[in-house]
Amino acid sequence: MVIRINPNFPWPKNIPEGRYTGYQMKLNSIPGSNVTVSLTAKNATVSVVPRSVTITPEAWNQWHDFTIANNQDEIVRNPNPHAASVGVFLTSDDVHFDSITAPDIDVMLEDDDVGEAPSSQHLHK
């Protein structure tokens, strides 16, 4: 599987809070049946749309779009920027594409909130 930042998006390095960056994916080889790619945000600070993409054998080498968003919140996060990730899992009736966990998509997020990040002492009171 090949995953890249969509070349038409203006901020590919760090995603500003409240914004998103477009990504694209395609397969490296033709599958014998449809492949479903599930995308799962591993951090509460990000969301993914759509959360799954179905790639057909006819469209295996075409780019399929999805977005990763840096969710707007009122929480100060340090360090700034900070890392987040999206999990990628493939399922298919084709055994060559079934039950495959692909490498995570790692992104850097910029926070627009100011002040001090809450300490663990304040969170447990």
N, C-alpha and C. Protein backbone atom coordinates (compact mmCIF):
# COMPACT_ATOMS: atom_id res chain seq x y z
N MET A 1 0.84 -1.17 0.00
CA MET A 1 0.00 0.00 0.00
C MET A 1 0.89 1.23 0.00
N VAL A 2 0.48 2.22 -0.77
CA VAL A 2 1.19 3.49 -0.83
C VAL A 2 0.27 4.55 -0.25
N ILE A 3 0.77 5.33 0.70
CA ILE A 3 0.01 6.44 1.29
C ILE A 3 0.85 7.69 1.17
N ARG A 4 0.22 8.77 0.71
CA ARG A 4 0.94 10.04 0.57
C ARG A 4 0.03 11.21 0.94
N ILE A 5 0.67 12.34 1.22
CA ILE A 5 -0.08 13.57 1.41
C ILE A 5 -0.57 14.03 0.05
N ASN A 6 -1.83 14.42 -0.02
CA ASN A 6 -2.38 14.94 -1.26
C ASN A 6 -1.60 16.19 -1.65
N PRO A 7 -1.00 16.22 -2.84
CA PRO A 7 -0.17 17.35 -3.23
C PRO A 7 -0.91 18.68 -3.38
N ASN A 8 -2.24 18.67 -3.30
CA ASN A 8 -3.03 19.91 -3.45
C ASN A 8 -3.33 20.61 -2.13
N PHE A 9 -2.78 20.09 -1.00
CA PHE A 9 -3.07 20.71 0.30
C PHE A 9 -1.94 21.64 0.72
N PRO A 10 -2.29 22.80 1.31
CA PRO A 10 -1.29 23.84 1.59
C PRO A 10 -0.42 23.61 2.83
N TRP A 11 -0.80 22.76 3.78
CA TRP A 11 0.02 22.61 5.00
C TRP A 11 0.33 21.14 5.26
N PRO A 12 1.24 20.58 4.49
CA PRO A 12 1.52 19.15 4.66
C PRO A 12 2.38 18.79 5.86
N LYS A 13 3.17 19.73 6.42
CA LYS A 13 4.09 19.34 7.48
C LYS A 13 3.40 19.19 8.83
N ASN A 14 2.79 20.24 9.34
CA ASN A 14 2.05 20.21 10.61
C ASN A 14 0.61 20.62 10.32
N ILE A 15 -0.34 19.91 10.92
CA ILE A 15 -1.75 20.24 10.70
C ILE A 15 -2.19 21.22 11.79
N PRO A 16 -2.62 22.44 11.41
CA PRO A 16 -3.09 23.40 12.41
C PRO A 16 -4.37 22.91 13.10
N GLU A 17 -4.55 23.29 14.36
CA GLU A 17 -5.75 22.91 15.09
C GLU A 17 -6.98 23.45 14.38
N GLY A 18 -7.99 22.60 14.25
CA GLY A 18 -9.22 22.99 13.56
C GLY A 18 -9.15 22.83 12.05
N ARG A 19 -8.04 22.34 11.54
CA ARG A 19 -7.86 22.16 10.08
C ARG A 19 -7.58 20.70 9.78
N TYR A 20 -7.46 20.40 8.50
CA TYR A 20 -7.18 19.03 8.09
C TYR A 20 -6.22 19.02 6.91
N THR A 21 -5.64 17.87 6.68
CA THR A 21 -4.78 17.66 5.53
C THR A 21 -5.31 16.45 4.77
N GLY A 22 -5.29 16.55 3.46
CA GLY A 22 -5.74 15.45 2.62
C GLY A 22 -4.62 14.45 2.38
N TYR A 23 -5.01 13.19 2.38
CA TYR A 23 -4.09 12.09 2.09
C TYR A 23 -4.68 11.26 0.97
N GLN A 24 -3.84 10.46 0.35
CA GLN A 24 -4.28 9.56 -0.70
C GLN A 24 -3.63 8.19 -0.50
N MET A 25 -4.34 7.15 -0.95
CA MET A 25 -3.79 5.80 -0.84
C MET A 25 -4.11 5.03 -2.12
N LYS A 26 -3.27 4.04 -2.40
CA LYS A 26 -3.54 3.07 -3.45
C LYS A 26 -2.77 1.80 -3.12
N LEU A 27 -3.13 0.72 -3.79
CA LEU A 27 -2.47 -0.56 -3.56
C LEU A 27 -1.25 -0.70 -4.46
N ASN A 28 -0.34 -1.58 -4.07
CA ASN A 28 0.86 -1.84 -4.87
C ASN A 28 0.63 -2.87 -5.96
N SER A 29 -0.43 -3.68 -5.81
CA SER A 29 -0.72 -4.72 -6.80
C SER A 29 -2.22 -4.95 -6.85
N ILE A 30 -2.66 -5.59 -7.93
CA ILE A 30 -4.09 -5.81 -8.13
C ILE A 30 -4.60 -6.92 -7.21
N PRO A 31 -5.69 -6.66 -6.49
CA PRO A 31 -6.27 -7.70 -5.64
C PRO A 31 -7.25 -8.55 -6.43
N GLY A 32 -7.52 -9.74 -5.91
CA GLY A 32 -8.49 -10.63 -6.53
C GLY A 32 -9.93 -10.27 -6.18
N SER A 33 -10.10 -9.46 -5.15
CA SER A 33 -11.43 -8.98 -4.74
C SER A 33 -11.27 -7.65 -4.02
N ASN A 34 -12.39 -7.04 -3.67
CA ASN A 34 -12.34 -5.74 -3.00
C ASN A 34 -11.48 -5.78 -1.74
N VAL A 35 -10.81 -4.67 -1.46
CA VAL A 35 -10.02 -4.51 -0.25
C VAL A 35 -10.62 -3.34 0.54
N THR A 36 -10.95 -3.59 1.80
CA THR A 36 -11.44 -2.52 2.66
C THR A 36 -10.29 -2.06 3.54
N VAL A 37 -10.01 -0.77 3.50
CA VAL A 37 -8.96 -0.17 4.31
C VAL A 37 -9.65 0.60 5.43
N SER A 38 -9.45 0.14 6.67
CA SER A 38 -10.01 0.82 7.84
C SER A 38 -8.97 1.77 8.42
N LEU A 39 -9.40 2.99 8.70
CA LEU A 39 -8.52 4.04 9.23
C LEU A 39 -9.03 4.41 10.62
N THR A 40 -8.18 4.26 11.63
CA THR A 40 -8.59 4.47 13.02
C THR A 40 -7.68 5.49 13.69
N ALA A 41 -8.28 6.59 14.16
CA ALA A 41 -7.53 7.58 14.91
C ALA A 41 -7.08 6.97 16.22
N LYS A 42 -5.79 7.04 16.53
CA LYS A 42 -5.25 6.48 17.77
C LYS A 42 -5.12 7.53 18.87
N ASN A 43 -5.52 8.75 18.58
CA ASN A 43 -5.47 9.84 19.55
C ASN A 43 -6.77 10.62 19.46
N ALA A 44 -7.26 11.14 20.58
CA ALA A 44 -8.50 11.92 20.59
C ALA A 44 -8.35 13.25 19.87
N THR A 45 -7.12 13.65 19.62
CA THR A 45 -6.89 14.95 18.98
C THR A 45 -7.07 14.92 17.46
N VAL A 46 -7.20 13.71 16.87
CA VAL A 46 -7.37 13.62 15.42
C VAL A 46 -8.64 12.87 15.06
N SER A 47 -9.14 13.14 13.86
CA SER A 47 -10.24 12.36 13.31
C SER A 47 -9.94 12.08 11.84
N VAL A 48 -10.55 11.03 11.32
CA VAL A 48 -10.30 10.59 9.96
C VAL A 48 -11.62 10.48 9.21
N VAL A 49 -11.66 10.99 7.97
CA VAL A 49 -12.86 10.91 7.13
C VAL A 49 -12.44 10.51 5.73
N PRO A 50 -13.02 9.48 5.15
CA PRO A 50 -13.89 8.51 5.80
C PRO A 50 -13.07 7.56 6.66
N ARG A 51 -13.75 6.79 7.50
CA ARG A 51 -13.04 5.86 8.37
C ARG A 51 -12.73 4.54 7.67
N SER A 52 -13.32 4.32 6.51
CA SER A 52 -12.94 3.16 5.70
C SER A 52 -13.09 3.50 4.22
N VAL A 53 -12.23 2.88 3.42
CA VAL A 53 -12.23 3.07 1.97
C VAL A 53 -12.21 1.68 1.34
N THR A 54 -13.09 1.45 0.38
CA THR A 54 -13.09 0.19 -0.35
C THR A 54 -12.42 0.40 -1.68
N ILE A 55 -11.38 -0.40 -1.93
CA ILE A 55 -10.63 -0.33 -3.18
C ILE A 55 -10.99 -1.57 -3.99
N THR A 56 -11.49 -1.35 -5.20
CA THR A 56 -11.90 -2.45 -6.07
C THR A 56 -10.72 -2.90 -6.93
N PRO A 57 -10.79 -4.13 -7.46
CA PRO A 57 -9.72 -4.58 -8.36
C PRO A 57 -9.55 -3.66 -9.58
N GLU A 58 -10.62 -3.05 -10.03
CA GLU A 58 -10.55 -2.15 -11.19
C GLU A 58 -9.85 -0.83 -10.86
N ALA A 59 -9.84 -0.45 -9.60
CA ALA A 59 -9.28 0.86 -9.21
C ALA A 59 -8.09 0.71 -8.27
N TRP A 60 -7.42 -0.42 -8.29
CA TRP A 60 -6.34 -0.70 -7.34
C TRP A 60 -5.19 0.29 -7.44
N ASN A 61 -4.91 0.82 -8.66
CA ASN A 61 -3.77 1.71 -8.84
C ASN A 61 -4.18 3.18 -8.98
N GLN A 62 -5.41 3.50 -8.60
CA GLN A 62 -5.87 4.89 -8.59
C GLN A 62 -5.81 5.42 -7.15
N TRP A 63 -5.57 6.73 -7.03
CA TRP A 63 -5.51 7.34 -5.71
C TRP A 63 -6.90 7.45 -5.11
N HIS A 64 -7.03 7.09 -3.83
CA HIS A 64 -8.28 7.18 -3.08
C HIS A 64 -8.04 8.17 -1.94
N ASP A 65 -8.91 9.18 -1.83
CA ASP A 65 -8.72 10.29 -0.90
C ASP A 65 -9.31 10.02 0.48
N PHE A 66 -8.63 10.57 1.50
CA PHE A 66 -9.16 10.64 2.85
C PHE A 66 -8.49 11.83 3.54
N THR A 67 -9.06 12.26 4.65
CA THR A 67 -8.49 13.40 5.37
C THR A 67 -8.21 13.02 6.82
N ILE A 68 -7.19 13.68 7.36
CA ILE A 68 -6.88 13.59 8.78
C ILE A 68 -7.01 15.00 9.34
N ALA A 69 -7.87 15.15 10.34
CA ALA A 69 -8.14 16.47 10.92
C ALA A 69 -7.54 16.59 12.31
N ASN A 70 -7.07 17.78 12.63
CA ASN A 70 -6.63 18.14 13.97
C ASN A 70 -7.84 18.78 14.65
N ASN A 71 -8.48 18.06 15.54
CA ASN A 71 -9.73 18.52 16.14
C ASN A 71 -9.54 19.79 16.97
N GLN A 72 -10.49 20.71 16.82
CA GLN A 72 -10.48 21.95 17.60
C GLN A 72 -10.92 21.64 19.03
N ASP A 73 -10.15 22.15 19.99
CA ASP A 73 -10.53 22.00 21.39
C ASP A 73 -9.99 23.19 22.17
N GLU A 74 -10.20 23.21 23.46
CA GLU A 74 -9.73 24.30 24.32
C GLU A 74 -8.61 23.83 25.24
N ILE A 75 -7.96 22.73 24.90
CA ILE A 75 -6.92 22.15 25.74
C ILE A 75 -5.54 22.57 25.25
N VAL A 76 -4.71 23.05 26.16
CA VAL A 76 -3.34 23.40 25.82
C VAL A 76 -2.53 22.12 25.80
N ARG A 77 -1.82 21.89 24.72
CA ARG A 77 -1.04 20.66 24.57
C ARG A 77 0.44 21.01 24.39
N ASN A 78 1.26 20.36 25.19
CA ASN A 78 2.71 20.51 25.06
C ASN A 78 3.30 19.13 24.90
N PRO A 79 4.31 18.95 24.09
CA PRO A 79 4.94 20.01 23.31
C PRO A 79 4.06 20.43 22.15
N ASN A 80 4.39 21.54 21.58
CA ASN A 80 3.67 22.06 20.43
C ASN A 80 4.68 22.33 19.32
N PRO A 81 4.61 21.68 18.18
CA PRO A 81 3.60 20.70 17.79
C PRO A 81 3.78 19.37 18.51
N HIS A 82 2.73 18.55 18.46
CA HIS A 82 2.75 17.23 19.11
C HIS A 82 2.33 16.16 18.10
N ALA A 83 2.71 14.93 18.40
CA ALA A 83 2.49 13.82 17.47
C ALA A 83 1.16 13.12 17.73
N ALA A 84 0.60 12.57 16.65
CA ALA A 84 -0.58 11.72 16.71
C ALA A 84 -0.45 10.68 15.61
N SER A 85 -1.30 9.67 15.64
CA SER A 85 -1.20 8.65 14.60
C SER A 85 -2.57 8.08 14.24
N VAL A 86 -2.61 7.49 13.04
CA VAL A 86 -3.80 6.84 12.52
C VAL A 86 -3.41 5.41 12.15
N GLY A 87 -4.18 4.44 12.64
CA GLY A 87 -3.93 3.04 12.32
C GLY A 87 -4.56 2.68 10.98
N VAL A 88 -3.91 1.74 10.27
CA VAL A 88 -4.38 1.31 8.95
C VAL A 88 -4.48 -0.22 8.95
N PHE A 89 -5.68 -0.74 8.64
CA PHE A 89 -5.90 -2.19 8.66
C PHE A 89 -6.67 -2.59 7.40
N LEU A 90 -6.19 -3.63 6.71
CA LEU A 90 -6.80 -4.09 5.47
C LEU A 90 -7.53 -5.40 5.68
N THR A 91 -8.71 -5.53 5.05
CA THR A 91 -9.44 -6.79 5.02
C THR A 91 -9.91 -7.04 3.60
N SER A 92 -10.00 -8.32 3.23
CA SER A 92 -10.40 -8.69 1.87
C SER A 92 -10.68 -10.19 1.81
N ASP A 93 -11.44 -10.60 0.82
CA ASP A 93 -11.59 -12.03 0.54
C ASP A 93 -10.34 -12.58 -0.14
N ASP A 94 -9.48 -11.70 -0.66
CA ASP A 94 -8.19 -12.09 -1.24
C ASP A 94 -7.22 -12.26 -0.07
N VAL A 95 -6.71 -13.47 0.13
CA VAL A 95 -5.85 -13.76 1.28
C VAL A 95 -4.57 -12.91 1.30
N HIS A 96 -4.16 -12.40 0.15
CA HIS A 96 -2.95 -11.57 0.08
C HIS A 96 -3.18 -10.16 0.65
N PHE A 97 -4.44 -9.80 0.86
CA PHE A 97 -4.77 -8.47 1.38
C PHE A 97 -5.62 -8.55 2.65
N ASP A 98 -5.81 -9.73 3.19
CA ASP A 98 -6.69 -9.89 4.34
C ASP A 98 -5.93 -9.86 5.66
N SER A 99 -6.52 -9.17 6.63
CA SER A 99 -5.98 -9.10 8.00
C SER A 99 -4.55 -8.56 8.03
N ILE A 100 -4.32 -7.50 7.29
CA ILE A 100 -2.99 -6.87 7.23
C ILE A 100 -3.04 -5.56 8.01
N THR A 101 -2.12 -5.42 8.94
CA THR A 101 -1.94 -4.15 9.63
C THR A 101 -0.79 -3.42 8.96
N ALA A 102 -1.10 -2.31 8.34
CA ALA A 102 -0.08 -1.49 7.67
C ALA A 102 0.55 -0.56 8.70
N PRO A 103 1.69 0.03 8.38
CA PRO A 103 2.29 0.99 9.32
C PRO A 103 1.35 2.16 9.61
N ASP A 104 1.40 2.66 10.83
CA ASP A 104 0.61 3.84 11.20
C ASP A 104 0.99 5.03 10.35
N ILE A 105 0.02 5.92 10.20
CA ILE A 105 0.29 7.23 9.58
C ILE A 105 0.57 8.18 10.73
N ASP A 106 1.78 8.68 10.81
CA ASP A 106 2.16 9.60 11.88
C ASP A 106 2.03 11.04 11.38
N VAL A 107 1.40 11.88 12.18
CA VAL A 107 1.20 13.28 11.83
C VAL A 107 1.66 14.17 12.98
N MET A 108 1.97 15.40 12.66
CA MET A 108 2.30 16.41 13.67
C MET A 108 1.17 17.43 13.70
N LEU A 109 0.72 17.77 14.91
CA LEU A 109 -0.40 18.68 15.10
C LEU A 109 0.05 19.94 15.81
N GLU A 110 -0.43 21.09 15.30
CA GLU A 110 -0.15 22.37 15.94
C GLU A 110 -1.34 22.75 16.81
N ASP A 111 -1.05 23.20 18.03
CA ASP A 111 -2.08 23.63 18.97
C ASP A 111 -2.22 25.14 18.90
N ASP A 112 -3.47 25.65 18.92
CA ASP A 112 -3.66 27.11 18.89
C ASP A 112 -4.10 27.65 20.25
N ASP A 113 -4.14 26.79 21.27
CA ASP A 113 -4.53 27.24 22.60
C ASP A 113 -3.30 27.74 23.35
N VAL A 114 -3.49 28.75 24.19
CA VAL A 114 -2.36 29.33 24.92
C VAL A 114 -2.53 29.11 26.41
N GLY A 115 -1.41 29.17 27.11
CA GLY A 115 -1.42 28.96 28.55
C GLY A 115 -0.56 27.76 28.89
N GLU A 116 -0.69 27.30 30.11
CA GLU A 116 0.08 26.14 30.54
C GLU A 116 -0.74 24.88 30.36
N ALA A 117 -0.08 23.85 29.93
CA ALA A 117 -0.75 22.55 29.82
C ALA A 117 -1.04 22.06 31.22
N PRO A 118 -2.19 21.40 31.44
CA PRO A 118 -2.51 20.89 32.78
C PRO A 118 -1.50 19.83 33.21
N SER A 119 -1.08 19.90 34.46
CA SER A 119 -0.15 18.90 34.97
C SER A 119 -0.92 17.69 35.45
N SER A 120 -0.24 16.59 35.64
CA SER A 120 -0.90 15.37 36.11
C SER A 120 -1.46 15.57 37.52
N GLN A 121 -0.85 16.47 38.32
CA GLN A 121 -1.36 16.73 39.66
C GLN A 121 -2.75 17.37 39.59
N HIS A 122 -2.94 18.32 38.66
CA HIS A 122 -4.23 18.98 38.53
C HIS A 122 -5.30 18.03 38.00
N LEU A 123 -4.91 17.09 37.18
CA LEU A 123 -5.86 16.17 36.58
C LEU A 123 -6.39 15.15 37.59
N HIS A 124 -5.63 14.87 38.64
CA HIS A 124 -6.03 13.84 39.61
C HIS A 124 -6.67 14.41 40.86
N LYS A 125 -6.90 15.69 40.95
CA LYS A 125 -7.52 16.30 42.14
C LYS A 125 -9.02 16.22 42.07
